[in-house]
Structures are given as C-alpha cells and as structure tokens.
C-alpha cells in the first residue's frame, strides 16, 4: 500500500493499492523530489473518469511500469474535484503545450514545479497516434539525466508563456469579434459526417455546444449564421442520440424526438467510452439540451 491509504478522496483511495508509490500533493512529496533531485510525475483525474481508470489498469497496476516510475520519478496523484486549483494551473500548461486538455492529466515537473512535458492518456503500447507510456517515461528519465538544460529551458518557456497569457487575460476584455472568431473556429472544425469534433472515440463537448447557443442568443441579427449554428447543434445531439448515450433517467434520443429528429446509429459515439464521461458532463449537457429546446 502506498501513501494514498490515508486519503479522504475516493479517487485517491482507488489507487492506494497500486504498485506505484503514489503520494498525495503535499510537502512530503515535494520535499522528496528536491532532496533526491528527481522529476515529478503528476497524474490528475477524478472518480468518474473512464480513461483515468483505463490508464490505471493498463499502466499503474503494471508492476514493471510501476517499478520504473518509482525508480526515476516522484509520483503524485491528485483528485481534480478535491484540488481544482492544482488542476486549473496545470491544465493551462497542458493546453499550452499540446493544444488540448483532458483527463487523466499527465504532467512531468521539475522539483521547482515547472512543467516540461505534458499529455493526457498514454496507452501502454503505441496507438491512437500516441506514444507508449513506457516510452514517454524512458525518454524523459534519460532527458532528465543527460539533457537537463533543455528541460529547464522548456520549463522556463512554459512558465513565461502562462504568465504572459494570464497578464493578457487580466488586461484585455473579450470583444464581440473575439466571440465570433471562437464560434467560427468551433463550427469550422465540426465533423458533419459523424458529429462532434475530432476522431473516434468522441466525447460530448457540452461546453462548446453551450457556447454556441449563448453566442447565437447574443447575435440574433445574424440570421444565416444562427440557423447554421442551430443546425450544427441539432446534428451533434442527433449523432450522440444514435450512439445511445444516457443522461440521468432519459435517453438523449427521447429529447431529440422532441425536436423531431431521426434515430440511426452513428459510428464514433461509443457507449463504453462515453458513459463514464457523462457522469461528469451530465449537468452541462442537460442544461445545454434545455437551452436548445428554448431556442425553438
């Protein structure tokens, strides 16, 4: 049993019997990283996260992987629902370095807590155009030993970027032009074939849909653009309905029937990938669907 056994978080307790020598976020782990001059592997997730459980089973329960992690890294596990502050800080770094975010969040830090490599889910073998987790661990352990100056350089660049970004956010207010650019970026990257964004496996992007609804509500004079956006939203909900996703006691397709949309299975929306995700997105997606109904 590792250092998570006394945690109050159900998510951390799920990892208490991993062979990985997990520490909760705290002075003990941070001091150990400085004393032993080891990089930190920070893993952030939450109890209802499907891919968090997948990565735990594939990698954190694997003795060979755990032994390598324990030898070369100080491993810290964080529940994002218990520490949203830590989650928020390092999510900015993940997005800055990879262009997107999500959970499980995988962040490699120097002992001074500056991130130098980030990602989300890493498979045990190379797939989904992602490197194998063991290869990531091996490469970073080697870089820490033999190319420390480059790691420190990357860390400084990321911290500088985040400081400048936060400075800009404080000094600039978003204008209607900013919102229009965001809406265009979202709609232009939409998958009109299967719905949603990106390749399979797809996840419900509740916040993107809600943003589009809010945007057309505030831009009612743009009739043509508003109609196209509503068409996109309905198409996305229809695609999720065809995949069989659930929201509380209601099927999404029951709600889509209310909007007089049809029901056929659409590839990409897999129940096994998305059911756990909906435990987290339920409130957002339910609110969004209610707003969609009001738009009619």
C-alpha atoms as a PDB file:
ATOM      1  CA  UNK A   1       0.000   0.000   0.000  1.00  0.00           C
ATOM      2  CA  UNK A   2       1.345   3.443  -0.943  1.00  0.00           C
ATOM      3  CA  UNK A   3       0.973   6.895   0.612  1.00  0.00           C
ATOM      4  CA  UNK A   4      -2.653   7.351  -0.525  1.00  0.00           C
ATOM      5  CA  UNK A   5      -4.099   4.965   2.062  1.00  0.00           C
ATOM      6  CA  UNK A   6      -4.972   7.774   4.484  1.00  0.00           C
ATOM      7  CA  UNK A   7      -6.642   9.958   1.853  1.00  0.00           C
ATOM      8  CA  UNK A   8     -10.270  11.030   2.160  1.00  0.00           C
ATOM      9  CA  UNK A   9     -10.745  11.224  -1.613  1.00  0.00           C
ATOM     10  CA  UNK A  10     -12.492   8.155  -3.090  1.00  0.00           C
ATOM     11  CA  UNK A  11     -10.473   8.646  -6.275  1.00  0.00           C
ATOM     12  CA  UNK A  12      -7.136   8.593  -4.460  1.00  0.00           C
ATOM     13  CA  UNK A  13      -8.202   5.592  -2.403  1.00  0.00           C
ATOM     14  CA  UNK A  14      -8.842   3.705  -5.649  1.00  0.00           C
ATOM     15  CA  UNK A  15      -5.088   3.968  -6.270  1.00  0.00           C
ATOM     16  CA  UNK A  16      -3.927   3.147  -2.740  1.00  0.00           C
ATOM     17  CA  UNK A  17      -3.054  -0.437  -3.689  1.00  0.00           C
ATOM     18  CA  UNK A  18      -1.262   0.373  -6.934  1.00  0.00           C
ATOM     19  CA  UNK A  19       2.373  -0.776  -7.068  1.00  0.00           C
ATOM     20  CA  UNK A  20       3.182   2.846  -7.987  1.00  0.00           C
ATOM     21  CA  UNK A  21       4.482   4.621  -4.888  1.00  0.00           C
ATOM     22  CA  UNK A  22       1.894   7.399  -5.102  1.00  0.00           C
ATOM     23  CA  UNK A  23       1.992  10.439  -2.849  1.00  0.00           C
ATOM     24  CA  UNK A  24      -0.816  12.941  -2.384  1.00  0.00           C
ATOM     25  CA  UNK A  25       0.053  16.544  -3.257  1.00  0.00           C
ATOM     26  CA  UNK A  26       1.858  17.942  -0.247  1.00  0.00           C
ATOM     27  CA  UNK A  27       5.112  18.970   1.366  1.00  0.00           C
ATOM     28  CA  UNK A  28       6.355  15.405   1.857  1.00  0.00           C
ATOM     29  CA  UNK A  29       6.338  14.585  -1.850  1.00  0.00           C
ATOM     30  CA  UNK A  30       7.614  17.988  -2.977  1.00  0.00           C
ATOM     31  CA  UNK A  31      10.480  17.921  -0.464  1.00  0.00           C
ATOM     32  CA  UNK A  32      11.393  14.376  -1.504  1.00  0.00           C
ATOM     33  CA  UNK A  33      11.663  15.461  -5.158  1.00  0.00           C
ATOM     34  CA  UNK A  34      14.070  18.262  -4.222  1.00  0.00           C
ATOM     35  CA  UNK A  35      16.113  16.100  -1.863  1.00  0.00           C
ATOM     36  CA  UNK A  36      16.521  13.246  -4.353  1.00  0.00           C
ATOM     37  CA  UNK A  37      16.734  15.564  -7.365  1.00  0.00           C
ATOM     38  CA  UNK A  38      14.048  13.638  -9.238  1.00  0.00           C
ATOM     39  CA  UNK A  39      11.369  14.903 -11.613  1.00  0.00           C
ATOM     40  CA  UNK A  40       7.740  14.678 -10.536  1.00  0.00           C
ATOM     41  CA  UNK A  41       5.089  12.740 -12.413  1.00  0.00           C
ATOM     42  CA  UNK A  42       1.785  14.439 -11.615  1.00  0.00           C
ATOM     43  CA  UNK A  43      -1.335  12.472 -12.512  1.00  0.00           C
ATOM     44  CA  UNK A  44      -4.677  14.286 -12.131  1.00  0.00           C
ATOM     45  CA  UNK A  45      -8.072  12.662 -12.567  1.00  0.00           C
ATOM     46  CA  UNK A  46     -11.410  12.047 -10.904  1.00  0.00           C
ATOM     47  CA  UNK A  47     -13.517   9.065  -9.868  1.00  0.00           C
ATOM     48  CA  UNK A  48     -15.962   9.081 -12.813  1.00  0.00           C
ATOM     49  CA  UNK A  49     -13.258   9.461 -15.484  1.00  0.00           C
ATOM     50  CA  UNK A  50     -13.291   6.463 -17.847  1.00  0.00           C
ATOM     51  CA  UNK A  51      -9.824   6.959 -19.324  1.00  0.00           C
ATOM     52  CA  UNK A  52      -8.367   7.540 -15.835  1.00  0.00           C
ATOM     53  CA  UNK A  53      -9.444   4.012 -14.949  1.00  0.00           C
ATOM     54  CA  UNK A  54      -8.169   2.644 -18.256  1.00  0.00           C
ATOM     55  CA  UNK A  55      -4.705   4.134 -17.763  1.00  0.00           C
ATOM     56  CA  UNK A  56      -4.649   2.961 -14.147  1.00  0.00           C
ATOM     57  CA  UNK A  57      -5.404  -0.601 -15.198  1.00  0.00           C
ATOM     58  CA  UNK A  58      -3.008  -0.605 -18.153  1.00  0.00           C
ATOM     59  CA  UNK A  59      -0.047   1.173 -16.569  1.00  0.00           C
ATOM     60  CA  UNK A  60      -0.361   1.983 -12.862  1.00  0.00           C
ATOM     61  CA  UNK A  61      -1.300  -1.589 -11.954  1.00  0.00           C
ATOM     62  CA  UNK A  62       1.547  -2.992 -14.058  1.00  0.00           C
ATOM     63  CA  UNK A  63       4.490  -3.941 -11.861  1.00  0.00           C
ATOM     64  CA  UNK A  64       7.197  -3.327 -14.486  1.00  0.00           C
ATOM     65  CA  UNK A  65       5.864   0.149 -15.296  1.00  0.00           C
ATOM     66  CA  UNK A  66       5.428   0.958 -11.608  1.00  0.00           C
ATOM     67  CA  UNK A  67       8.980  -0.107 -10.767  1.00  0.00           C
ATOM     68  CA  UNK A  68      10.369   2.236 -13.432  1.00  0.00           C
ATOM     69  CA  UNK A  69       8.180   5.099 -12.203  1.00  0.00           C
ATOM     70  CA  UNK A  70       9.267   4.533  -8.615  1.00  0.00           C
ATOM     71  CA  UNK A  71      12.947   4.452  -9.546  1.00  0.00           C
ATOM     72  CA  UNK A  72      13.039   7.566 -11.714  1.00  0.00           C
ATOM     73  CA  UNK A  73      10.157   9.803 -10.555  1.00  0.00           C
ATOM     74  CA  UNK A  74       8.341  11.092  -7.500  1.00  0.00           C
ATOM     75  CA  UNK A  75       4.755  10.149  -8.322  1.00  0.00           C
ATOM     76  CA  UNK A  76       1.899  12.365  -7.162  1.00  0.00           C
ATOM     77  CA  UNK A  77      -1.785  11.621  -7.634  1.00  0.00           C
ATOM     78  CA  UNK A  78      -4.370  14.445  -7.423  1.00  0.00           C
ATOM     79  CA  UNK A  79      -8.171  14.352  -7.412  1.00  0.00           C
ATOM     80  CA  UNK A  80      -9.272  17.319  -9.528  1.00  0.00           C
ATOM     81  CA  UNK A  81     -12.519  17.544  -7.566  1.00  0.00           C
ATOM     82  CA  UNK A  82     -10.552  17.855  -4.314  1.00  0.00           C
ATOM     83  CA  UNK A  83      -7.878  20.226  -5.689  1.00  0.00           C
ATOM     84  CA  UNK A  84      -9.375  22.254  -8.569  1.00  0.00           C
ATOM     85  CA  UNK A  85      -6.672  24.869  -8.000  1.00  0.00           C
ATOM     86  CA  UNK A  86      -3.855  22.474  -8.939  1.00  0.00           C
ATOM     87  CA  UNK A  87      -5.936  21.079 -11.783  1.00  0.00           C
ATOM     88  CA  UNK A  88      -6.562  24.576 -13.168  1.00  0.00           C
ATOM     89  CA  UNK A  89      -2.929  25.618 -13.049  1.00  0.00           C
ATOM     90  CA  UNK A  90      -1.535  22.586 -14.814  1.00  0.00           C
ATOM     91  CA  UNK A  91      -4.403  22.302 -17.279  1.00  0.00           C
ATOM     92  CA  UNK A  92      -3.233  25.643 -18.647  1.00  0.00           C
ATOM     93  CA  UNK A  93       0.195  24.109 -19.181  1.00  0.00           C
ATOM     94  CA  UNK A  94      -1.229  21.024 -20.900  1.00  0.00           C
ATOM     95  CA  UNK A  95      -3.286  23.149 -23.287  1.00  0.00           C
ATOM     96  CA  UNK A  96      -0.333  25.451 -23.971  1.00  0.00           C
ATOM     97  CA  UNK A  97       1.957  22.524 -24.824  1.00  0.00           C
ATOM     98  CA  UNK A  98      -0.438  20.169 -26.632  1.00  0.00           C
ATOM     99  CA  UNK A  99      -3.288  22.377 -27.875  1.00  0.00           C
ATOM    100  CA  UNK A 100      -5.932  20.468 -25.909  1.00  0.00           C
ATOM    101  CA  UNK A 101      -6.619  19.162 -22.435  1.00  0.00           C
ATOM    102  CA  UNK A 102      -8.482  16.441 -20.606  1.00  0.00           C
ATOM    103  CA  UNK A 103      -8.192  13.703 -18.035  1.00  0.00           C
ATOM    104  CA  UNK A 104      -6.287  11.827 -16.949  1.00  0.00           C
ATOM    105  CA  UNK A 105      -3.900  14.758 -16.998  1.00  0.00           C
ATOM    106  CA  UNK A 106      -0.266  13.654 -17.124  1.00  0.00           C
ATOM    107  CA  UNK A 107       2.282  16.333 -16.261  1.00  0.00           C
ATOM    108  CA  UNK A 108       6.012  15.973 -15.719  1.00  0.00           C
ATOM    109  CA  UNK A 109       7.514  18.636 -13.457  1.00  0.00           C
ATOM    110  CA  UNK A 110      10.942  19.639 -12.271  1.00  0.00           C
ATOM    111  CA  UNK A 111      11.296  19.749  -8.457  1.00  0.00           C
ATOM    112  CA  UNK A 112      10.628  23.513  -8.671  1.00  0.00           C
ATOM    113  CA  UNK A 113       7.179  22.553 -10.098  1.00  0.00           C
ATOM    114  CA  UNK A 114       7.811  23.917 -13.596  1.00  0.00           C
ATOM    115  CA  UNK A 115       6.222  21.636 -16.222  1.00  0.00           C
ATOM    116  CA  UNK A 116       8.445  20.357 -19.030  1.00  0.00           C
ATOM    117  CA  UNK A 117       6.287  17.660 -20.650  1.00  0.00           C
ATOM    118  CA  UNK A 118       2.521  17.166 -20.612  1.00  0.00           C
ATOM    119  CA  UNK A 119      -0.230  14.998 -22.012  1.00  0.00           C
ATOM    120  CA  UNK A 120      -3.410  13.224 -21.042  1.00  0.00           C
ATOM    121  CA  UNK A 121      -3.989   9.494 -21.551  1.00  0.00           C
ATOM    122  CA  UNK A 122      -0.982   7.471 -22.690  1.00  0.00           C
ATOM    123  CA  UNK A 123      -1.566   3.862 -23.838  1.00  0.00           C
ATOM    124  CA  UNK A 124       0.723   1.023 -22.743  1.00  0.00           C
ATOM    125  CA  UNK A 125       1.777   0.499 -26.379  1.00  0.00           C
ATOM    126  CA  UNK A 126       1.864   2.999 -29.217  1.00  0.00           C
ATOM    127  CA  UNK A 127      -1.643   3.534 -30.657  1.00  0.00           C
ATOM    128  CA  UNK A 128      -4.151   6.295 -31.441  1.00  0.00           C
ATOM    129  CA  UNK A 129      -1.123   8.256 -32.750  1.00  0.00           C
ATOM    130  CA  UNK A 130       0.078   8.459 -29.138  1.00  0.00           C
ATOM    131  CA  UNK A 131       3.404   7.215 -27.759  1.00  0.00           C
ATOM    132  CA  UNK A 132       3.526   4.300 -25.342  1.00  0.00           C
ATOM    133  CA  UNK A 133       3.611   5.414 -21.705  1.00  0.00           C
ATOM    134  CA  UNK A 134       6.749   3.357 -21.060  1.00  0.00           C
ATOM    135  CA  UNK A 135       8.496   5.117 -23.938  1.00  0.00           C
ATOM    136  CA  UNK A 136       7.493   8.511 -22.521  1.00  0.00           C
ATOM    137  CA  UNK A 137       8.828   7.555 -19.097  1.00  0.00           C
ATOM    138  CA  UNK A 138      12.083   6.199 -20.511  1.00  0.00           C
ATOM    139  CA  UNK A 139      12.680   9.196 -22.758  1.00  0.00           C
ATOM    140  CA  UNK A 140      12.035  11.731 -20.022  1.00  0.00           C
ATOM    141  CA  UNK A 141      14.142   9.868 -17.462  1.00  0.00           C
ATOM    142  CA  UNK A 142      17.003   9.878 -19.959  1.00  0.00           C
ATOM    143  CA  UNK A 143      16.500  13.567 -20.746  1.00  0.00           C
ATOM    144  CA  UNK A 144      16.482  14.429 -17.035  1.00  0.00           C
ATOM    145  CA  UNK A 145      19.813  12.668 -16.631  1.00  0.00           C
ATOM    146  CA  UNK A 146      21.554  13.724 -19.842  1.00  0.00           C
ATOM    147  CA  UNK A 147      19.842  16.867 -21.134  1.00  0.00           C
ATOM    148  CA  UNK A 148      18.809  18.787 -18.029  1.00  0.00           C
ATOM    149  CA  UNK A 149      19.481  22.190 -19.572  1.00  0.00           C
ATOM    150  CA  UNK A 150      16.895  21.587 -22.307  1.00  0.00           C
ATOM    151  CA  UNK A 151      14.308  20.530 -19.728  1.00  0.00           C
ATOM    152  CA  UNK A 152      14.965  23.670 -17.705  1.00  0.00           C
ATOM    153  CA  UNK A 153      14.688  25.756 -20.875  1.00  0.00           C
ATOM    154  CA  UNK A 154      11.300  24.248 -21.741  1.00  0.00           C
ATOM    155  CA  UNK A 155      10.055  24.805 -18.194  1.00  0.00           C
ATOM    156  CA  UNK A 156      11.048  28.464 -18.282  1.00  0.00           C
ATOM    157  CA  UNK A 157       9.375  28.931 -21.674  1.00  0.00           C
ATOM    158  CA  UNK A 158       6.104  27.417 -20.469  1.00  0.00           C
ATOM    159  CA  UNK A 159       6.056  29.479 -17.290  1.00  0.00           C
ATOM    160  CA  UNK A 160       6.825  32.612 -19.307  1.00  0.00           C
ATOM    161  CA  UNK A 161       4.014  31.811 -21.737  1.00  0.00           C
ATOM    162  CA  UNK A 162       1.498  31.236 -18.948  1.00  0.00           C
ATOM    163  CA  UNK A 163       2.499  34.450 -17.172  1.00  0.00           C
ATOM    164  CA  UNK A 164       2.061  36.437 -20.383  1.00  0.00           C
ATOM    165  CA  UNK A 165      -1.241  34.717 -21.094  1.00  0.00           C
ATOM    166  CA  UNK A 166      -2.596  35.491 -17.640  1.00  0.00           C
ATOM    167  CA  UNK A 167      -1.360  39.074 -17.953  1.00  0.00           C
ATOM    168  CA  UNK A 168      -3.208  39.460 -21.252  1.00  0.00           C
ATOM    169  CA  UNK A 169      -6.360  37.934 -19.805  1.00  0.00           C
ATOM    170  CA  UNK A 170      -6.333  40.481 -16.998  1.00  0.00           C
ATOM    171  CA  UNK A 171      -5.704  43.446 -19.288  1.00  0.00           C
ATOM    172  CA  UNK A 172      -7.973  42.564 -22.216  1.00  0.00           C
ATOM    173  CA  UNK A 173     -11.725  42.172 -22.281  1.00  0.00           C
ATOM    174  CA  UNK A 174     -13.214  39.850 -24.868  1.00  0.00           C
ATOM    175  CA  UNK A 175     -14.982  41.735 -27.644  1.00  0.00           C
ATOM    176  CA  UNK A 176     -17.807  40.540 -29.938  1.00  0.00           C
ATOM    177  CA  UNK A 177     -15.122  39.946 -32.567  1.00  0.00           C
ATOM    178  CA  UNK A 178     -13.340  37.544 -30.211  1.00  0.00           C
ATOM    179  CA  UNK A 179     -16.559  35.577 -29.646  1.00  0.00           C
ATOM    180  CA  UNK A 180     -17.226  35.483 -33.382  1.00  0.00           C
ATOM    181  CA  UNK A 181     -13.731  34.114 -34.033  1.00  0.00           C
ATOM    182  CA  UNK A 182     -14.197  31.430 -31.375  1.00  0.00           C
ATOM    183  CA  UNK A 183     -17.574  30.436 -32.816  1.00  0.00           C
ATOM    184  CA  UNK A 184     -16.099  30.222 -36.320  1.00  0.00           C
ATOM    185  CA  UNK A 185     -13.227  28.060 -35.094  1.00  0.00           C
ATOM    186  CA  UNK A 186     -15.659  25.667 -33.415  1.00  0.00           C
ATOM    187  CA  UNK A 187     -18.017  25.415 -36.390  1.00  0.00           C
ATOM    188  CA  UNK A 188     -15.243  25.126 -38.975  1.00  0.00           C
ATOM    189  CA  UNK A 189     -13.728  22.114 -37.185  1.00  0.00           C
ATOM    190  CA  UNK A 190     -17.064  20.298 -36.771  1.00  0.00           C
ATOM    191  CA  UNK A 191     -17.412  16.774 -38.169  1.00  0.00           C
ATOM    192  CA  UNK A 192     -20.548  16.909 -40.341  1.00  0.00           C
ATOM    193  CA  UNK A 193     -20.151  13.224 -41.151  1.00  0.00           C
ATOM    194  CA  UNK A 194     -20.461  11.680 -37.691  1.00  0.00           C
ATOM    195  CA  UNK A 195     -20.989  14.710 -35.476  1.00  0.00           C
ATOM    196  CA  UNK A 196     -18.799  16.157 -32.748  1.00  0.00           C
ATOM    197  CA  UNK A 197     -15.161  17.103 -33.050  1.00  0.00           C
ATOM    198  CA  UNK A 198     -12.059  15.067 -33.761  1.00  0.00           C
ATOM    199  CA  UNK A 199     -11.788  11.348 -34.455  1.00  0.00           C
ATOM    200  CA  UNK A 200     -13.315   8.438 -32.596  1.00  0.00           C
ATOM    201  CA  UNK A 201     -13.565   7.813 -29.704  1.00  0.00           C
ATOM    202  CA  UNK A 202     -15.601  11.017 -29.323  1.00  0.00           C
ATOM    203  CA  UNK A 203     -16.685  12.729 -26.122  1.00  0.00           C
ATOM    204  CA  UNK A 204     -19.661  15.056 -25.586  1.00  0.00           C
ATOM    205  CA  UNK A 205     -18.355  18.620 -25.844  1.00  0.00           C
ATOM    206  CA  UNK A 206     -21.040  20.204 -23.675  1.00  0.00           C
ATOM    207  CA  UNK A 207     -19.174  23.447 -23.135  1.00  0.00           C
ATOM    208  CA  UNK A 208     -18.669  24.003 -26.876  1.00  0.00           C
ATOM    209  CA  UNK A 209     -22.354  23.440 -27.578  1.00  0.00           C
ATOM    210  CA  UNK A 210     -23.400  25.734 -24.745  1.00  0.00           C
ATOM    211  CA  UNK A 211     -21.033  28.434 -26.014  1.00  0.00           C
ATOM    212  CA  UNK A 212     -22.585  28.250 -29.488  1.00  0.00           C
ATOM    213  CA  UNK A 213     -26.078  28.544 -28.026  1.00  0.00           C
ATOM    214  CA  UNK A 214     -25.096  31.558 -25.961  1.00  0.00           C
ATOM    215  CA  UNK A 215     -23.384  33.093 -28.977  1.00  0.00           C
ATOM    216  CA  UNK A 216     -26.411  32.877 -31.267  1.00  0.00           C
ATOM    217  CA  UNK A 217     -28.621  34.189 -28.469  1.00  0.00           C
ATOM    218  CA  UNK A 218     -26.467  37.316 -28.324  1.00  0.00           C
ATOM    219  CA  UNK A 219     -26.237  37.587 -32.122  1.00  0.00           C
ATOM    220  CA  UNK A 220     -29.843  37.269 -33.248  1.00  0.00           C
ATOM    221  CA  UNK A 221     -29.302  39.779 -36.043  1.00  0.00           C
ATOM    222  CA  UNK A 222     -27.027  37.283 -37.810  1.00  0.00           C
ATOM    223  CA  UNK A 223     -29.893  35.119 -39.081  1.00  0.00           C
ATOM    224  CA  UNK A 224     -27.980  32.965 -41.565  1.00  0.00           C
ATOM    225  CA  UNK A 225     -25.154  32.252 -39.147  1.00  0.00           C
ATOM    226  CA  UNK A 226     -27.572  31.500 -36.313  1.00  0.00           C
ATOM    227  CA  UNK A 227     -29.511  28.997 -38.428  1.00  0.00           C
ATOM    228  CA  UNK A 228     -26.290  27.234 -39.400  1.00  0.00           C
ATOM    229  CA  UNK A 229     -25.195  27.046 -35.764  1.00  0.00           C
ATOM    230  CA  UNK A 230     -28.556  25.620 -34.647  1.00  0.00           C
ATOM    231  CA  UNK A 231     -28.282  23.061 -37.442  1.00  0.00           C
ATOM    232  CA  UNK A 232     -24.829  22.090 -36.122  1.00  0.00           C
ATOM    233  CA  UNK A 233     -26.094  21.746 -32.533  1.00  0.00           C
ATOM    234  CA  UNK A 234     -29.037  19.600 -33.580  1.00  0.00           C
ATOM    235  CA  UNK A 235     -26.815  17.474 -35.787  1.00  0.00           C
ATOM    236  CA  UNK A 236     -24.423  16.899 -32.876  1.00  0.00           C
ATOM    237  CA  UNK A 237     -27.219  15.936 -30.476  1.00  0.00           C
ATOM    238  CA  UNK A 238     -28.665  13.625 -33.098  1.00  0.00           C
ATOM    239  CA  UNK A 239     -25.303  11.897 -33.532  1.00  0.00           C
ATOM    240  CA  UNK A 240     -24.982  11.370 -29.772  1.00  0.00           C
ATOM    241  CA  UNK A 241     -28.552  10.049 -29.691  1.00  0.00           C
ATOM    242  CA  UNK A 242     -27.744   7.493 -32.365  1.00  0.00           C
ATOM    243  CA  UNK A 243     -24.807   6.322 -30.293  1.00  0.00           C
ATOM    244  CA  UNK A 244     -27.065   5.526 -27.337  1.00  0.00           C
ATOM    245  CA  UNK A 245     -25.686   7.921 -24.694  1.00  0.00           C
ATOM    246  CA  UNK A 246     -27.664   8.354 -21.476  1.00  0.00           C
ATOM    247  CA  UNK A 247     -28.401  11.431 -19.381  1.00  0.00           C
ATOM    248  CA  UNK A 248     -29.803  10.577 -15.951  1.00  0.00           C
ATOM    249  CA  UNK A 249     -33.083   8.686 -16.466  1.00  0.00           C
ATOM    250  CA  UNK A 250     -33.603   9.929 -20.035  1.00  0.00           C
ATOM    251  CA  UNK A 251     -32.111   8.832 -23.308  1.00  0.00           C
ATOM    252  CA  UNK A 252     -30.749  11.701 -25.401  1.00  0.00           C
ATOM    253  CA  UNK A 253     -32.815  10.369 -28.291  1.00  0.00           C
ATOM    254  CA  UNK A 254     -36.000  10.893 -26.275  1.00  0.00           C
ATOM    255  CA  UNK A 255     -35.084  14.552 -26.115  1.00  0.00           C
ATOM    256  CA  UNK A 256     -34.119  14.608 -29.765  1.00  0.00           C
ATOM    257  CA  UNK A 257     -37.531  13.169 -30.653  1.00  0.00           C
ATOM    258  CA  UNK A 258     -38.947  16.292 -29.077  1.00  0.00           C
ATOM    259  CA  UNK A 259     -37.030  18.218 -31.735  1.00  0.00           C
ATOM    260  CA  UNK A 260     -38.410  15.886 -34.453  1.00  0.00           C
ATOM    261  CA  UNK A 261     -35.019  14.401 -35.334  1.00  0.00           C
ATOM    262  CA  UNK A 262     -34.432  10.847 -36.571  1.00  0.00           C
ATOM    263  CA  UNK A 263     -32.579   7.950 -34.947  1.00  0.00           C
ATOM    264  CA  UNK A 264     -29.871   5.866 -36.618  1.00  0.00           C
ATOM    265  CA  UNK A 265     -26.590   4.613 -35.209  1.00  0.00           C
ATOM    266  CA  UNK A 266     -23.600   6.837 -35.923  1.00  0.00           C
ATOM    267  CA  UNK A 267     -20.023   5.478 -35.663  1.00  0.00           C
ATOM    268  CA  UNK A 268     -17.654   7.258 -33.315  1.00  0.00           C
ATOM    269  CA  UNK A 269     -20.039   7.698 -30.363  1.00  0.00           C
ATOM    270  CA  UNK A 270     -19.287   4.607 -28.282  1.00  0.00           C
ATOM    271  CA  UNK A 271     -21.289   3.931 -25.118  1.00  0.00           C
ATOM    272  CA  UNK A 272     -18.348   2.274 -23.346  1.00  0.00           C
ATOM    273  CA  UNK A 273     -16.125   5.322 -23.932  1.00  0.00           C
ATOM    274  CA  UNK A 274     -18.752   7.899 -23.042  1.00  0.00           C
ATOM    275  CA  UNK A 275     -20.916   6.559 -20.224  1.00  0.00           C
ATOM    276  CA  UNK A 276     -18.390   7.440 -17.509  1.00  0.00           C
ATOM    277  CA  UNK A 277     -17.717  10.792 -19.170  1.00  0.00           C
ATOM    278  CA  UNK A 278     -21.419  11.652 -18.872  1.00  0.00           C
ATOM    279  CA  UNK A 279     -21.217  11.266 -15.099  1.00  0.00           C
ATOM    280  CA  UNK A 280     -19.148  14.437 -15.217  1.00  0.00           C
ATOM    281  CA  UNK A 281     -20.847  16.231 -18.119  1.00  0.00           C
ATOM    282  CA  UNK A 282     -24.465  15.423 -17.196  1.00  0.00           C
ATOM    283  CA  UNK A 283     -25.260  18.836 -15.651  1.00  0.00           C
ATOM    284  CA  UNK A 284     -23.652  20.724 -18.548  1.00  0.00           C
ATOM    285  CA  UNK A 285     -25.252  18.591 -21.252  1.00  0.00           C
ATOM    286  CA  UNK A 286     -28.678  18.604 -19.616  1.00  0.00           C
ATOM    287  CA  UNK A 287     -28.538  22.400 -19.316  1.00  0.00           C
ATOM    288  CA  UNK A 288     -27.467  22.667 -22.940  1.00  0.00           C
ATOM    289  CA  UNK A 289     -30.344  20.486 -24.206  1.00  0.00           C
ATOM    290  CA  UNK A 290     -32.817  22.555 -22.188  1.00  0.00           C
ATOM    291  CA  UNK A 291     -31.441  25.690 -23.810  1.00  0.00           C
ATOM    292  CA  UNK A 292     -31.706  24.078 -27.239  1.00  0.00           C
ATOM    293  CA  UNK A 293     -35.398  23.422 -26.625  1.00  0.00           C
ATOM    294  CA  UNK A 294     -35.893  27.040 -25.588  1.00  0.00           C
ATOM    295  CA  UNK A 295     -34.280  28.158 -28.840  1.00  0.00           C
ATOM    296  CA  UNK A 296     -37.232  26.637 -30.632  1.00  0.00           C
END
